[in-house]
Amino acid sequence: MIDNRLIRVIALSIVVAATGGLARAAEGGPPPYQADLQRLAEILGALHYLRGICGANEGQIWRNEMQALIDAEAPPGERRDRMVASFNRGYRGFQQTYRSCTPAADLAIRRYLDEGARISRDITARYAN
């Protein structure tokens, strides 16, 4: 099983990536890291579902991290809607596949934690002031 301290570090890195002084897009256009944010939102949705069925007892941590990401980015209407849709897609995709924790679900969790941490590091490294 995954160490809960690792979860907290990755959750914190996601918020740091979003709030670390990222370069803002020109008025009206999406930022250059928009696709990464949408992927990160999808990962958060998947983790919200998978960690719940795998007995992590984390409550709403991944949904709260998604809300923190949206709050930090403050995306306008359509961008916000796409981010929320990505989160929901990640959640529902696994909800349709897994009803209980399996070795495959546990592997997916580890891979998503790694990918989410990589994305958050890459966004911060490329776009932080």
Protein backbone atom coordinates (compact mmCIF):
# COMPACT_ATOMS: atom_id res chain seq x y z
CA MET A 1 0.00 0.00 0.00
CA ILE A 2 1.08 3.59 -0.53
CA ASP A 3 2.49 5.61 2.34
CA ASN A 4 0.10 8.45 3.28
CA ARG A 5 3.06 10.81 3.69
CA LEU A 6 3.74 10.34 -0.02
CA ILE A 7 0.14 11.29 -0.75
CA ARG A 8 0.51 14.51 1.21
CA VAL A 9 3.78 15.41 -0.54
CA ILE A 10 2.27 14.87 -3.97
CA ALA A 11 -0.91 16.73 -3.06
CA LEU A 12 1.17 19.63 -1.82
CA SER A 13 3.30 19.61 -4.98
CA ILE A 14 0.14 19.83 -7.10
CA VAL A 15 -1.00 22.92 -5.23
CA VAL A 16 2.51 24.42 -5.33
CA ALA A 17 2.59 23.89 -9.08
CA ALA A 18 -0.67 25.74 -9.45
CA THR A 19 0.20 28.57 -7.10
CA GLY A 20 3.92 28.93 -7.71
CA GLY A 21 3.75 32.14 -9.69
CA LEU A 22 2.93 30.53 -13.03
CA ALA A 23 3.07 32.69 -16.10
CA ARG A 24 -0.40 33.88 -16.98
CA ALA A 25 -1.66 33.64 -20.54
CA ALA A 26 -2.32 36.66 -22.66
CA GLU A 27 -5.71 38.10 -21.89
CA GLY A 28 -8.43 35.81 -23.16
CA GLY A 29 -6.24 32.90 -24.28
CA PRO A 30 -5.44 29.70 -22.44
CA PRO A 31 -2.04 29.38 -20.80
CA PRO A 32 0.55 27.20 -22.54
CA TYR A 33 0.21 24.61 -19.76
CA GLN A 34 -3.56 24.21 -20.10
CA ALA A 35 -3.35 20.64 -21.45
CA ASP A 36 -1.15 19.69 -18.49
CA LEU A 37 -3.66 21.19 -16.06
CA GLN A 38 -6.46 19.24 -17.66
CA ARG A 39 -4.45 16.02 -17.40
CA LEU A 40 -3.67 16.83 -13.77
CA ALA A 41 -7.39 17.36 -13.14
CA GLU A 42 -8.15 13.97 -14.69
CA ILE A 43 -5.52 12.33 -12.49
CA LEU A 44 -7.01 13.98 -9.40
CA GLY A 45 -10.43 12.61 -10.33
CA ALA A 46 -9.03 9.11 -10.81
CA LEU A 47 -7.19 9.29 -7.47
CA HIS A 48 -10.32 10.56 -5.74
CA TYR A 49 -12.16 7.42 -6.80
CA LEU A 50 -9.38 4.84 -6.62
CA ARG A 51 -7.97 5.88 -3.25
CA GLY A 52 -11.50 5.68 -1.85
CA ILE A 53 -12.16 2.12 -2.97
CA CYS A 54 -8.67 1.06 -1.86
CA GLY A 55 -9.39 2.06 1.74
CA ALA A 56 -7.13 5.10 2.00
CA ASN A 57 -9.61 6.87 4.31
CA GLU A 58 -8.56 10.25 2.93
CA GLY A 59 -12.04 11.66 2.59
CA GLN A 60 -12.19 14.51 0.13
CA ILE A 61 -8.44 15.21 -0.17
CA TRP A 62 -8.24 14.75 -3.95
CA ARG A 63 -11.45 16.67 -4.61
CA ASN A 64 -10.12 19.42 -2.32
CA GLU A 65 -6.84 19.46 -4.24
CA MET A 66 -8.85 19.90 -7.43
CA GLN A 67 -10.71 22.80 -5.88
CA ALA A 68 -7.38 24.32 -4.78
CA LEU A 69 -6.09 23.98 -8.34
CA ILE A 70 -9.17 25.75 -9.71
CA ASP A 71 -8.98 28.43 -7.03
CA ALA A 72 -5.29 29.04 -7.73
CA GLU A 73 -5.71 29.19 -11.49
CA ALA A 74 -9.04 31.04 -11.42
CA PRO A 75 -9.78 29.98 -15.00
CA PRO A 76 -12.58 31.74 -16.84
CA GLY A 77 -15.83 29.89 -17.66
CA GLU A 78 -14.96 27.50 -20.48
CA ARG A 79 -11.48 26.67 -19.16
CA ARG A 80 -12.94 25.98 -15.72
CA ASP A 81 -15.62 23.78 -17.24
CA ARG A 82 -12.99 21.77 -19.14
CA MET A 83 -10.96 21.27 -15.96
CA VAL A 84 -14.03 20.07 -14.03
CA ALA A 85 -14.98 17.78 -16.93
CA SER A 86 -11.47 16.29 -16.87
CA PHE A 87 -11.74 15.61 -13.12
CA ASN A 88 -15.13 13.97 -13.63
CA ARG A 89 -13.84 11.92 -16.56
CA GLY A 90 -11.00 10.57 -14.40
CA TYR A 91 -13.42 9.70 -11.61
CA ARG A 92 -16.10 8.13 -13.79
CA GLY A 93 -13.67 6.20 -15.95
CA PHE A 94 -12.51 4.17 -12.98
CA GLN A 95 -15.92 4.08 -11.34
CA GLN A 96 -17.19 2.19 -14.38
CA THR A 97 -14.29 -0.27 -14.23
CA TYR A 98 -13.57 -0.94 -10.56
CA ARG A 99 -16.01 -1.76 -7.78
CA SER A 100 -13.33 -2.88 -5.32
CA CYS A 101 -9.60 -2.45 -4.87
CA THR A 102 -7.60 -4.83 -7.02
CA PRO A 103 -3.87 -5.12 -7.73
CA ALA A 104 -4.54 -3.32 -11.02
CA ALA A 105 -6.27 -0.46 -9.18
CA ASP A 106 -3.35 -0.21 -6.77
CA LEU A 107 -0.93 -0.10 -9.71
CA ALA A 108 -3.02 2.63 -11.36
CA ILE A 109 -2.83 4.66 -8.14
CA ARG A 110 0.96 4.42 -8.05
CA ARG A 111 1.25 5.37 -11.71
CA TYR A 112 -1.10 8.33 -11.32
CA LEU A 113 0.75 9.57 -8.26
CA ASP A 114 4.00 9.44 -10.23
CA GLU A 115 2.49 11.13 -13.27
CA GLY A 116 0.78 13.84 -11.21
CA ALA A 117 4.02 14.61 -9.39
CA ARG A 118 5.90 14.76 -12.72
CA ILE A 119 3.34 17.08 -14.28
CA SER A 120 3.35 19.40 -11.27
CA ARG A 121 7.18 19.52 -11.28
CA ASP A 122 7.30 20.14 -15.04
CA ILE A 123 4.74 22.96 -14.91
CA THR A 124 6.57 24.61 -12.06
CA ALA A 125 9.98 24.24 -13.72
CA ARG A 126 8.81 25.60 -17.05
CA TYR A 127 6.41 28.35 -16.06
CA ALA A 128 7.20 29.55 -12.53
CA ASN A 129 8.54 33.09 -12.33
